[in-house]
Amino acid sequence: MLREDVTEAIRAAVFEELAAVGYARMSIEGIARRAGVGKTAVYRRWRSKLHLVLDIVSALAVQGLPAPDTGSLEGDLRLLYEVTSRALRHPVASQIIPDLQAEAARNADIAEALQKTLREGQDGVASKILAAAAERGELAPGLDTDLALDLISGPLYWRSVVVRGPKPPKGYLGSLARATAEGLKAL
């Protein structure tokens, strides 16, 4: 039986190691050292570095973000943007996400796991926001959910991860929420 505290220490060490050295230079030895365990403890749980990272990235998709419920589409979007913006600016996330994207361009397994993590995590939250807005009569039924998800996620992801801009200026997230809500209503 595997000890859960050791497994959690290894998972935490993976994030630290990814942020410190990136996927390409990350090693099982480095992860084990950070976790305070032997390499065999890592290999008992995962057979390779790739499987370890894929497992952890996939687990993030399951966790997801809680769906906001402020009573309005714009309010839900604003809260989602505030939480997501903070998460994307976290020092570990801001190092790991771009590195994994670069690796995804070279490794189909990482690409698939990263897409699943990003898409399913946001899709679950966005779907709940869209369903609540439709129930309140803020959105028309039969909305193109893929297009809506792109509209919800795209601008903040672009600014935070692709351009890697600084913290959004005061009022930006509220303006983005307002513009996105209007765009969704026009679909």
N, C-alpha and C. Protein backbone atom coordinates (compact mmCIF):
# COMPACT_ATOMS: atom_id res chain seq x y z
N MET A 1 0.85 -1.19 0.00
CA MET A 1 0.00 0.00 0.00
C MET A 1 0.89 1.25 0.00
N LEU A 2 0.59 2.18 -0.89
CA LEU A 2 1.38 3.40 -1.00
C LEU A 2 0.89 4.45 -0.01
N ARG A 3 1.83 5.09 0.64
CA ARG A 3 1.47 6.13 1.61
C ARG A 3 1.07 7.41 0.87
N GLU A 4 -0.10 7.92 1.23
CA GLU A 4 -0.63 9.12 0.57
C GLU A 4 0.24 10.34 0.84
N ASP A 5 0.81 10.45 2.06
CA ASP A 5 1.65 11.61 2.36
C ASP A 5 2.90 11.65 1.48
N VAL A 6 3.43 10.49 1.15
CA VAL A 6 4.60 10.43 0.25
C VAL A 6 4.18 10.81 -1.16
N THR A 7 3.03 10.30 -1.60
CA THR A 7 2.52 10.63 -2.93
C THR A 7 2.30 12.14 -3.06
N GLU A 8 1.71 12.74 -2.04
CA GLU A 8 1.46 14.19 -2.08
C GLU A 8 2.77 14.98 -2.06
N ALA A 9 3.76 14.51 -1.31
CA ALA A 9 5.08 15.17 -1.28
C ALA A 9 5.72 15.11 -2.67
N ILE A 10 5.57 13.99 -3.35
CA ILE A 10 6.12 13.86 -4.70
C ILE A 10 5.40 14.79 -5.65
N ARG A 11 4.08 14.84 -5.56
CA ARG A 11 3.31 15.74 -6.45
C ARG A 11 3.73 17.19 -6.24
N ALA A 12 3.87 17.60 -5.00
CA ALA A 12 4.31 18.98 -4.72
C ALA A 12 5.71 19.22 -5.27
N ALA A 13 6.57 18.23 -5.14
CA ALA A 13 7.94 18.35 -5.64
C ALA A 13 7.97 18.49 -7.15
N VAL A 14 7.05 17.83 -7.85
CA VAL A 14 6.99 17.94 -9.31
C VAL A 14 6.72 19.39 -9.71
N PHE A 15 5.76 20.04 -9.06
CA PHE A 15 5.47 21.43 -9.38
C PHE A 15 6.68 22.32 -9.12
N GLU A 16 7.33 22.10 -7.99
CA GLU A 16 8.52 22.90 -7.65
C GLU A 16 9.64 22.67 -8.66
N GLU A 17 9.84 21.43 -9.03
CA GLU A 17 10.91 21.09 -9.97
C GLU A 17 10.60 21.63 -11.36
N LEU A 18 9.35 21.51 -11.80
CA LEU A 18 8.96 22.07 -13.09
C LEU A 18 9.20 23.58 -13.13
N ALA A 19 8.82 24.26 -12.07
CA ALA A 19 9.00 25.71 -12.01
C ALA A 19 10.48 26.09 -11.98
N ALA A 20 11.28 25.27 -11.31
CA ALA A 20 12.70 25.60 -11.15
C ALA A 20 13.53 25.29 -12.39
N VAL A 21 13.30 24.12 -13.01
CA VAL A 21 14.20 23.71 -14.09
C VAL A 21 13.49 23.41 -15.41
N GLY A 22 12.16 23.35 -15.41
CA GLY A 22 11.43 23.03 -16.64
C GLY A 22 11.35 21.53 -16.87
N TYR A 23 10.47 21.16 -17.78
CA TYR A 23 10.23 19.74 -18.04
C TYR A 23 11.48 19.06 -18.60
N ALA A 24 12.13 19.67 -19.57
CA ALA A 24 13.26 19.02 -20.24
C ALA A 24 14.38 18.68 -19.27
N ARG A 25 14.66 19.54 -18.30
CA ARG A 25 15.75 19.31 -17.35
C ARG A 25 15.28 18.64 -16.05
N MET A 26 13.97 18.49 -15.90
CA MET A 26 13.45 17.85 -14.71
C MET A 26 13.88 16.38 -14.69
N SER A 27 14.22 15.89 -13.50
CA SER A 27 14.63 14.48 -13.37
C SER A 27 13.93 13.84 -12.19
N ILE A 28 13.82 12.53 -12.26
CA ILE A 28 13.26 11.77 -11.14
C ILE A 28 14.12 11.98 -9.90
N GLU A 29 15.43 12.05 -10.09
CA GLU A 29 16.34 12.28 -8.96
C GLU A 29 16.04 13.62 -8.28
N GLY A 30 15.85 14.66 -9.08
CA GLY A 30 15.55 15.98 -8.52
C GLY A 30 14.22 16.01 -7.80
N ILE A 31 13.23 15.33 -8.37
CA ILE A 31 11.91 15.26 -7.74
C ILE A 31 12.01 14.53 -6.40
N ALA A 32 12.69 13.39 -6.41
CA ALA A 32 12.85 12.60 -5.18
C ALA A 32 13.56 13.42 -4.11
N ARG A 33 14.61 14.13 -4.50
CA ARG A 33 15.36 14.96 -3.54
C ARG A 33 14.45 16.02 -2.94
N ARG A 34 13.68 16.73 -3.76
CA ARG A 34 12.77 17.77 -3.25
C ARG A 34 11.69 17.18 -2.34
N ALA A 35 11.24 15.97 -2.67
CA ALA A 35 10.17 15.33 -1.89
C ALA A 35 10.70 14.68 -0.63
N GLY A 36 12.03 14.53 -0.54
CA GLY A 36 12.62 13.88 0.62
C GLY A 36 12.40 12.37 0.64
N VAL A 37 12.34 11.78 -0.56
CA VAL A 37 12.14 10.34 -0.69
C VAL A 37 13.21 9.76 -1.63
N GLY A 38 13.28 8.46 -1.70
CA GLY A 38 14.17 7.81 -2.65
C GLY A 38 13.52 7.72 -4.02
N LYS A 39 14.34 7.53 -5.05
CA LYS A 39 13.82 7.40 -6.41
C LYS A 39 12.82 6.25 -6.53
N THR A 40 13.05 5.20 -5.75
CA THR A 40 12.14 4.05 -5.85
C THR A 40 10.72 4.42 -5.43
N ALA A 41 10.59 5.36 -4.50
CA ALA A 41 9.24 5.80 -4.09
C ALA A 41 8.51 6.45 -5.27
N VAL A 42 9.24 7.17 -6.09
CA VAL A 42 8.64 7.79 -7.28
C VAL A 42 8.29 6.71 -8.30
N TYR A 43 9.25 5.82 -8.56
CA TYR A 43 9.03 4.77 -9.57
C TYR A 43 7.95 3.76 -9.16
N ARG A 44 7.67 3.62 -7.88
CA ARG A 44 6.57 2.75 -7.46
C ARG A 44 5.23 3.33 -7.90
N ARG A 45 5.18 4.63 -8.04
CA ARG A 45 3.92 5.30 -8.37
C ARG A 45 3.79 5.61 -9.86
N TRP A 46 4.89 5.96 -10.50
CA TRP A 46 4.89 6.33 -11.92
C TRP A 46 6.11 5.70 -12.58
N ARG A 47 5.94 5.22 -13.81
CA ARG A 47 7.05 4.51 -14.45
C ARG A 47 8.04 5.42 -15.14
N SER A 48 7.67 6.70 -15.34
CA SER A 48 8.60 7.62 -16.00
C SER A 48 8.23 9.06 -15.66
N LYS A 49 9.11 9.95 -16.00
CA LYS A 49 8.87 11.39 -15.81
C LYS A 49 7.64 11.81 -16.60
N LEU A 50 7.50 11.33 -17.82
CA LEU A 50 6.36 11.68 -18.65
C LEU A 50 5.06 11.25 -17.98
N HIS A 51 5.00 10.01 -17.51
CA HIS A 51 3.77 9.53 -16.86
C HIS A 51 3.46 10.30 -15.59
N LEU A 52 4.48 10.68 -14.86
CA LEU A 52 4.29 11.47 -13.64
C LEU A 52 3.67 12.82 -13.97
N VAL A 53 4.22 13.52 -14.94
CA VAL A 53 3.70 14.84 -15.31
C VAL A 53 2.30 14.72 -15.90
N LEU A 54 2.08 13.72 -16.75
CA LEU A 54 0.75 13.54 -17.35
C LEU A 54 -0.30 13.26 -16.28
N ASP A 55 0.04 12.46 -15.29
CA ASP A 55 -0.89 12.17 -14.20
C ASP A 55 -1.24 13.43 -13.43
N ILE A 56 -0.24 14.22 -13.14
CA ILE A 56 -0.48 15.43 -12.35
C ILE A 56 -1.27 16.47 -13.15
N VAL A 57 -0.92 16.64 -14.42
CA VAL A 57 -1.65 17.58 -15.27
C VAL A 57 -3.09 17.12 -15.43
N SER A 58 -3.30 15.84 -15.63
CA SER A 58 -4.66 15.31 -15.77
C SER A 58 -5.46 15.48 -14.48
N ALA A 59 -4.81 15.33 -13.33
CA ALA A 59 -5.50 15.50 -12.05
C ALA A 59 -6.00 16.93 -11.88
N LEU A 60 -5.30 17.88 -12.46
CA LEU A 60 -5.74 19.28 -12.37
C LEU A 60 -7.07 19.48 -13.07
N ALA A 61 -7.29 18.75 -14.15
CA ALA A 61 -8.55 18.87 -14.88
C ALA A 61 -9.73 18.45 -14.01
N VAL A 62 -9.50 17.47 -13.18
CA VAL A 62 -10.57 16.97 -12.31
C VAL A 62 -10.90 18.00 -11.22
N GLN A 63 -9.86 18.66 -10.68
CA GLN A 63 -10.07 19.63 -9.61
C GLN A 63 -10.88 20.82 -10.10
N GLY A 64 -10.40 21.45 -11.17
CA GLY A 64 -11.10 22.59 -11.74
C GLY A 64 -11.30 23.73 -10.76
N LEU A 65 -12.01 24.72 -11.20
CA LEU A 65 -12.35 25.88 -10.39
C LEU A 65 -13.81 25.79 -10.01
N PRO A 66 -14.18 26.31 -8.85
CA PRO A 66 -15.61 26.33 -8.52
C PRO A 66 -16.32 27.33 -9.42
N ALA A 67 -17.52 27.00 -9.83
CA ALA A 67 -18.28 27.92 -10.68
C ALA A 67 -18.86 29.04 -9.83
N PRO A 68 -18.59 30.28 -10.21
CA PRO A 68 -19.16 31.39 -9.44
C PRO A 68 -20.67 31.45 -9.61
N ASP A 69 -21.35 32.00 -8.61
CA ASP A 69 -22.80 32.15 -8.68
C ASP A 69 -23.17 33.47 -8.01
N THR A 70 -22.97 34.56 -8.76
CA THR A 70 -23.23 35.90 -8.22
C THR A 70 -24.64 36.38 -8.52
N GLY A 71 -25.34 35.65 -9.40
CA GLY A 71 -26.69 36.07 -9.77
C GLY A 71 -26.76 36.81 -11.09
N SER A 72 -25.60 37.05 -11.73
CA SER A 72 -25.61 37.68 -13.05
C SER A 72 -24.45 37.14 -13.89
N LEU A 73 -24.64 37.13 -15.19
CA LEU A 73 -23.60 36.65 -16.10
C LEU A 73 -22.34 37.49 -15.95
N GLU A 74 -22.47 38.80 -15.96
CA GLU A 74 -21.32 39.68 -15.84
C GLU A 74 -20.60 39.47 -14.50
N GLY A 75 -21.35 39.35 -13.43
CA GLY A 75 -20.75 39.12 -12.11
C GLY A 75 -20.03 37.79 -12.04
N ASP A 76 -20.63 36.75 -12.62
CA ASP A 76 -19.99 35.43 -12.64
C ASP A 76 -18.69 35.49 -13.43
N LEU A 77 -18.72 36.15 -14.58
CA LEU A 77 -17.51 36.27 -15.40
C LEU A 77 -16.43 37.06 -14.67
N ARG A 78 -16.82 38.15 -14.02
CA ARG A 78 -15.84 38.97 -13.30
C ARG A 78 -15.16 38.15 -12.19
N LEU A 79 -15.94 37.39 -11.44
CA LEU A 79 -15.36 36.56 -10.39
C LEU A 79 -14.47 35.47 -10.98
N LEU A 80 -14.91 34.84 -12.06
CA LEU A 80 -14.09 33.83 -12.73
C LEU A 80 -12.77 34.44 -13.18
N TYR A 81 -12.82 35.63 -13.78
CA TYR A 81 -11.60 36.29 -14.25
C TYR A 81 -10.67 36.67 -13.09
N GLU A 82 -11.23 37.09 -11.99
CA GLU A 82 -10.39 37.45 -10.84
C GLU A 82 -9.64 36.23 -10.31
N VAL A 83 -10.36 35.12 -10.15
CA VAL A 83 -9.74 33.89 -9.63
C VAL A 83 -8.71 33.36 -10.64
N THR A 84 -9.09 33.31 -11.90
CA THR A 84 -8.20 32.78 -12.94
C THR A 84 -6.97 33.65 -13.11
N SER A 85 -7.16 34.95 -13.08
CA SER A 85 -6.02 35.87 -13.23
C SER A 85 -5.00 35.67 -12.11
N ARG A 86 -5.49 35.55 -10.88
CA ARG A 86 -4.58 35.30 -9.75
C ARG A 86 -3.86 33.96 -9.93
N ALA A 87 -4.60 32.94 -10.34
CA ALA A 87 -4.00 31.61 -10.51
C ALA A 87 -2.94 31.63 -11.61
N LEU A 88 -3.22 32.30 -12.71
CA LEU A 88 -2.25 32.34 -13.82
C LEU A 88 -1.02 33.17 -13.49
N ARG A 89 -1.15 34.12 -12.58
CA ARG A 89 0.00 34.95 -12.18
C ARG A 89 0.82 34.32 -11.06
N HIS A 90 0.32 33.23 -10.48
CA HIS A 90 1.07 32.57 -9.42
C HIS A 90 2.44 32.19 -9.98
N PRO A 91 3.51 32.41 -9.21
CA PRO A 91 4.86 32.15 -9.74
C PRO A 91 5.06 30.74 -10.29
N VAL A 92 4.51 29.75 -9.64
CA VAL A 92 4.68 28.38 -10.13
C VAL A 92 3.93 28.19 -11.44
N ALA A 93 2.66 28.60 -11.48
CA ALA A 93 1.87 28.44 -12.69
C ALA A 93 2.46 29.23 -13.85
N SER A 94 2.95 30.43 -13.58
CA SER A 94 3.48 31.26 -14.66
C SER A 94 4.77 30.68 -15.25
N GLN A 95 5.42 29.80 -14.52
CA GLN A 95 6.60 29.10 -15.05
C GLN A 95 6.21 27.78 -15.72
N ILE A 96 5.32 27.04 -15.09
CA ILE A 96 4.99 25.70 -15.57
C ILE A 96 4.18 25.72 -16.86
N ILE A 97 3.15 26.55 -16.94
CA ILE A 97 2.25 26.52 -18.11
C ILE A 97 3.00 26.78 -19.41
N PRO A 98 3.81 27.86 -19.52
CA PRO A 98 4.53 28.06 -20.78
C PRO A 98 5.50 26.93 -21.11
N ASP A 99 6.15 26.37 -20.09
CA ASP A 99 7.09 25.28 -20.32
C ASP A 99 6.36 24.05 -20.84
N LEU A 100 5.22 23.72 -20.24
CA LEU A 100 4.45 22.57 -20.71
C LEU A 100 3.89 22.81 -22.11
N GLN A 101 3.55 24.05 -22.43
CA GLN A 101 3.09 24.34 -23.79
C GLN A 101 4.20 24.09 -24.80
N ALA A 102 5.41 24.50 -24.46
CA ALA A 102 6.55 24.26 -25.34
C ALA A 102 6.78 22.76 -25.52
N GLU A 103 6.70 22.01 -24.43
CA GLU A 103 6.87 20.56 -24.51
C GLU A 103 5.73 19.92 -25.30
N ALA A 104 4.53 20.48 -25.18
CA ALA A 104 3.38 19.94 -25.91
C ALA A 104 3.57 20.03 -27.42
N ALA A 105 4.31 21.03 -27.87
CA ALA A 105 4.58 21.16 -29.29
C ALA A 105 5.46 20.02 -29.79
N ARG A 106 6.20 19.38 -28.89
CA ARG A 106 7.12 18.30 -29.26
C ARG A 106 6.63 16.92 -28.84
N ASN A 107 5.60 16.85 -27.97
CA ASN A 107 5.20 15.57 -27.40
C ASN A 107 3.67 15.48 -27.41
N ALA A 108 3.16 14.58 -28.23
CA ALA A 108 1.71 14.45 -28.39
C ALA A 108 1.00 14.06 -27.10
N ASP A 109 1.65 13.23 -26.25
CA ASP A 109 1.01 12.83 -24.99
C ASP A 109 0.84 14.03 -24.07
N ILE A 110 1.86 14.87 -23.98
CA ILE A 110 1.76 16.07 -23.16
C ILE A 110 0.73 17.02 -23.76
N ALA A 111 0.72 17.14 -25.08
CA ALA A 111 -0.25 18.02 -25.75
C ALA A 111 -1.68 17.60 -25.41
N GLU A 112 -1.93 16.30 -25.48
CA GLU A 112 -3.28 15.79 -25.19
C GLU A 112 -3.67 16.04 -23.73
N ALA A 113 -2.76 15.75 -22.81
CA ALA A 113 -3.06 15.95 -21.39
C ALA A 113 -3.24 17.42 -21.06
N LEU A 114 -2.42 18.29 -21.64
CA LEU A 114 -2.53 19.72 -21.39
C LEU A 114 -3.84 20.26 -21.95
N GLN A 115 -4.18 19.83 -23.15
CA GLN A 115 -5.45 20.27 -23.74
C GLN A 115 -6.62 19.82 -22.88
N LYS A 116 -6.57 18.57 -22.42
CA LYS A 116 -7.64 18.05 -21.57
C LYS A 116 -7.76 18.86 -20.29
N THR A 117 -6.61 19.15 -19.68
CA THR A 117 -6.61 19.90 -18.43
C THR A 117 -7.19 21.28 -18.63
N LEU A 118 -6.69 21.99 -19.62
CA LEU A 118 -7.16 23.36 -19.84
C LEU A 118 -8.60 23.40 -20.31
N ARG A 119 -8.94 22.54 -21.24
CA ARG A 119 -10.28 22.56 -21.82
C ARG A 119 -11.34 22.08 -20.82
N GLU A 120 -11.10 20.94 -20.20
CA GLU A 120 -12.10 20.39 -19.28
C GLU A 120 -12.27 21.25 -18.04
N GLY A 121 -11.15 21.77 -17.53
CA GLY A 121 -11.24 22.61 -16.34
C GLY A 121 -12.07 23.85 -16.59
N GLN A 122 -11.76 24.54 -17.68
CA GLN A 122 -12.51 25.75 -18.02
C GLN A 122 -13.91 25.41 -18.53
N ASP A 123 -14.03 24.32 -19.28
CA ASP A 123 -15.33 23.96 -19.84
C ASP A 123 -16.35 23.67 -18.76
N GLY A 124 -15.92 22.98 -17.70
CA GLY A 124 -16.84 22.68 -16.61
C GLY A 124 -17.36 23.94 -15.94
N VAL A 125 -16.46 24.87 -15.67
CA VAL A 125 -16.85 26.13 -15.03
C VAL A 125 -17.70 26.97 -15.98
N ALA A 126 -17.21 27.12 -17.21
CA ALA A 126 -17.92 27.96 -18.17
C ALA A 126 -19.31 27.40 -18.47
N SER A 127 -19.42 26.09 -18.57
CA SER A 127 -20.73 25.48 -18.84
C SER A 127 -21.72 25.81 -17.73
N LYS A 128 -21.26 25.78 -16.48
CA LYS A 128 -22.14 26.12 -15.36
C LYS A 128 -22.54 27.59 -15.41
N ILE A 129 -21.59 28.45 -15.73
CA ILE A 129 -21.89 29.88 -15.84
C ILE A 129 -22.91 30.11 -16.95
N LEU A 130 -22.70 29.47 -18.10
CA LEU A 130 -23.61 29.64 -19.24
C LEU A 130 -25.00 29.08 -18.92
N ALA A 131 -25.05 27.91 -18.27
CA ALA A 131 -26.35 27.31 -17.92
C ALA A 131 -27.11 28.20 -16.96
N ALA A 132 -26.42 28.74 -15.95
CA ALA A 132 -27.07 29.63 -14.99
C ALA A 132 -27.59 30.89 -15.68
N ALA A 133 -26.79 31.45 -16.59
CA ALA A 133 -27.21 32.65 -17.31
C ALA A 133 -28.42 32.36 -18.20
N ALA A 134 -28.43 31.18 -18.82
CA ALA A 134 -29.58 30.81 -19.66
C ALA A 134 -30.83 30.63 -18.80
N GLU A 135 -30.68 30.02 -17.62
CA GLU A 135 -31.82 29.85 -16.72
C GLU A 135 -32.38 31.20 -16.28
N ARG A 136 -31.52 32.18 -16.10
CA ARG A 136 -31.96 33.52 -15.69
C ARG A 136 -32.50 34.32 -16.87
N GLY A 137 -32.39 33.77 -18.10
CA GLY A 137 -32.88 34.47 -19.28
C GLY A 137 -31.88 35.48 -19.84
N GLU A 138 -30.63 35.42 -19.39
CA GLU A 138 -29.61 36.36 -19.88
C GLU A 138 -29.03 35.93 -21.23
N LEU A 139 -29.13 34.64 -21.55
CA LEU A 139 -28.60 34.12 -22.81
C LEU A 139 -29.68 33.33 -23.54
N ALA A 140 -29.61 33.37 -24.85
CA ALA A 140 -30.57 32.62 -25.66
C ALA A 140 -30.25 31.12 -25.57
N PRO A 141 -31.28 30.29 -25.63
CA PRO A 141 -31.04 28.84 -25.64
C PRO A 141 -30.31 28.44 -26.93
N GLY A 142 -29.59 27.31 -26.88
CA GLY A 142 -28.92 26.81 -28.07
C GLY A 142 -27.62 27.53 -28.42
N LEU A 143 -27.05 28.17 -27.44
CA LEU A 143 -25.79 28.89 -27.63
C LEU A 143 -24.69 27.93 -28.07
N ASP A 144 -23.83 28.36 -28.98
CA ASP A 144 -22.67 27.57 -29.41
C ASP A 144 -21.67 27.56 -28.26
N THR A 145 -21.63 26.47 -27.50
CA THR A 145 -20.82 26.44 -26.28
C THR A 145 -19.32 26.47 -26.56
N ASP A 146 -18.88 25.88 -27.67
CA ASP A 146 -17.45 25.94 -28.00
C ASP A 146 -17.02 27.37 -28.28
N LEU A 147 -17.82 28.08 -29.04
CA LEU A 147 -17.53 29.48 -29.33
C LEU A 147 -17.60 30.32 -28.05
N ALA A 148 -18.60 30.03 -27.24
CA ALA A 148 -18.74 30.76 -25.97
C ALA A 148 -17.53 30.52 -25.06
N LEU A 149 -17.07 29.27 -24.98
CA LEU A 149 -15.90 28.95 -24.17
C LEU A 149 -14.67 29.70 -24.66
N ASP A 150 -14.48 29.74 -25.98
CA ASP A 150 -13.35 30.50 -26.54
C ASP A 150 -13.45 31.98 -26.19
N LEU A 151 -14.66 32.51 -26.26
CA LEU A 151 -14.87 33.92 -25.95
C LEU A 151 -14.60 34.20 -24.46
N ILE A 152 -15.01 33.28 -23.60
CA ILE A 152 -14.80 33.45 -22.15
C ILE A 152 -13.32 33.32 -21.79
N SER A 153 -12.68 32.29 -22.29
CA SER A 153 -11.31 31.97 -21.86
C SER A 153 -10.21 32.69 -22.63
N GLY A 154 -10.45 32.94 -23.88
CA GLY A 154 -9.39 33.45 -24.75
C GLY A 154 -8.70 34.73 -24.32
N PRO A 155 -9.42 35.81 -24.07
CA PRO A 155 -8.74 37.09 -23.80
C PRO A 155 -7.83 37.08 -22.57
N LEU A 156 -8.28 36.52 -21.47
CA LEU A 156 -7.47 36.51 -20.26
C LEU A 156 -6.28 35.57 -20.40
N TYR A 157 -6.52 34.41 -21.03
CA TYR A 157 -5.45 33.46 -21.26
C TYR A 157 -4.38 34.10 -22.16
N TRP A 158 -4.81 34.78 -23.20
CA TRP A 158 -3.88 35.46 -24.11
C TRP A 158 -3.02 36.46 -23.35
N ARG A 159 -3.67 37.28 -22.56
CA ARG A 159 -2.94 38.34 -21.83
C ARG A 159 -2.00 37.76 -20.77
N SER A 160 -2.46 36.74 -20.05
CA SER A 160 -1.70 36.22 -18.92
C SER A 160 -0.63 35.21 -19.32
N VAL A 161 -0.93 34.35 -20.28
CA VAL A 161 -0.03 33.25 -20.59
C VAL A 161 0.77 33.47 -21.87
N VAL A 162 0.13 33.94 -22.91
CA VAL A 162 0.83 34.11 -24.18
C VAL A 162 1.67 35.37 -24.17
N VAL A 163 1.06 36.51 -23.89
CA VAL A 163 1.79 37.78 -23.85
C VAL A 163 2.58 37.92 -22.55
N ARG A 164 2.08 37.25 -21.50
CA ARG A 164 2.71 37.29 -20.17
C ARG A 164 2.81 38.72 -19.64
N GLY A 165 1.69 39.41 -19.80
CA GLY A 165 1.63 40.79 -19.33
C GLY A 165 1.60 40.85 -17.81
N PRO A 166 1.82 42.04 -17.28
CA PRO A 166 1.77 42.22 -15.82
C PRO A 166 0.33 42.11 -15.32
N LYS A 167 0.18 42.28 -14.02
CA LYS A 167 -1.16 42.26 -13.41
C LYS A 167 -2.04 43.21 -14.20
N PRO A 168 -3.26 42.78 -14.53
CA PRO A 168 -4.15 43.67 -15.29
C PRO A 168 -4.40 44.97 -14.52
N PRO A 169 -4.51 46.09 -15.26
CA PRO A 169 -4.76 47.36 -14.58
C PRO A 169 -6.13 47.37 -13.91
N LYS A 170 -6.27 48.28 -12.96
CA LYS A 170 -7.53 48.40 -12.23
C LYS A 170 -8.69 48.59 -13.21
N GLY A 171 -9.74 47.82 -13.00
CA GLY A 171 -10.92 47.92 -13.84
C GLY A 171 -10.89 47.03 -15.08
N TYR A 172 -9.73 46.48 -15.41
CA TYR A 172 -9.62 45.68 -16.63
C TYR A 172 -10.52 44.44 -16.57
N LEU A 173 -10.47 43.70 -15.47
CA LEU A 173 -11.24 42.46 -15.38
C LEU A 173 -12.74 42.73 -15.42
N GLY A 174 -13.16 43.83 -14.80
CA GLY A 174 -14.57 44.21 -14.88
C GLY A 174 -14.98 44.58 -16.30
N SER A 175 -14.12 45.32 -16.99
CA SER A 175 -14.40 45.68 -18.39
C SER A 175 -14.41 44.44 -19.27
N LEU A 176 -13.49 43.52 -19.03
CA LEU A 176 -13.45 42.28 -19.79
C LEU A 176 -14.72 41.46 -19.55
N ALA A 177 -15.16 41.39 -18.30
CA ALA A 177 -16.39 40.66 -17.98
C ALA A 177 -17.59 41.29 -18.68
N ARG A 178 -17.66 42.61 -18.66
CA ARG A 178 -18.77 43.32 -19.31
C ARG A 178 -18.77 43.06 -20.82
N ALA A 179 -17.60 43.19 -21.44
CA ALA A 179 -17.49 42.99 -22.89
C ALA A 179 -17.79 41.53 -23.26
N THR A 180 -17.31 40.61 -22.46
CA THR A 180 -17.56 39.19 -22.74
C THR A 180 -19.05 38.88 -22.58
N ALA A 181 -19.68 39.39 -21.55
CA ALA A 181 -21.13 39.16 -21.35
C ALA A 181 -21.91 39.70 -22.55
N GLU A 182 -21.55 40.89 -23.02
CA GLU A 182 -22.24 41.46 -24.19
C GLU A 182 -21.99 40.61 -25.43
N GLY A 183 -20.76 40.12 -25.58
CA GLY A 183 -20.45 39.27 -26.72
C GLY A 183 -21.23 37.97 -26.68
N LEU A 184 -21.35 37.38 -25.50
CA LEU A 184 -22.11 36.14 -25.36
C LEU A 184 -23.60 36.37 -25.67
N LYS A 185 -24.10 37.49 -25.26
CA LYS A 185 -25.52 37.80 -25.54
C LYS A 185 -25.76 37.98 -27.04
N ALA A 186 -24.72 38.38 -27.77
CA ALA A 186 -24.86 38.60 -29.22
C ALA A 186 -24.75 37.31 -30.02
N LEU A 187 -24.31 36.22 -29.39
CA LEU A 187 -24.16 34.94 -30.12
C LEU A 187 -25.51 34.35 -30.46
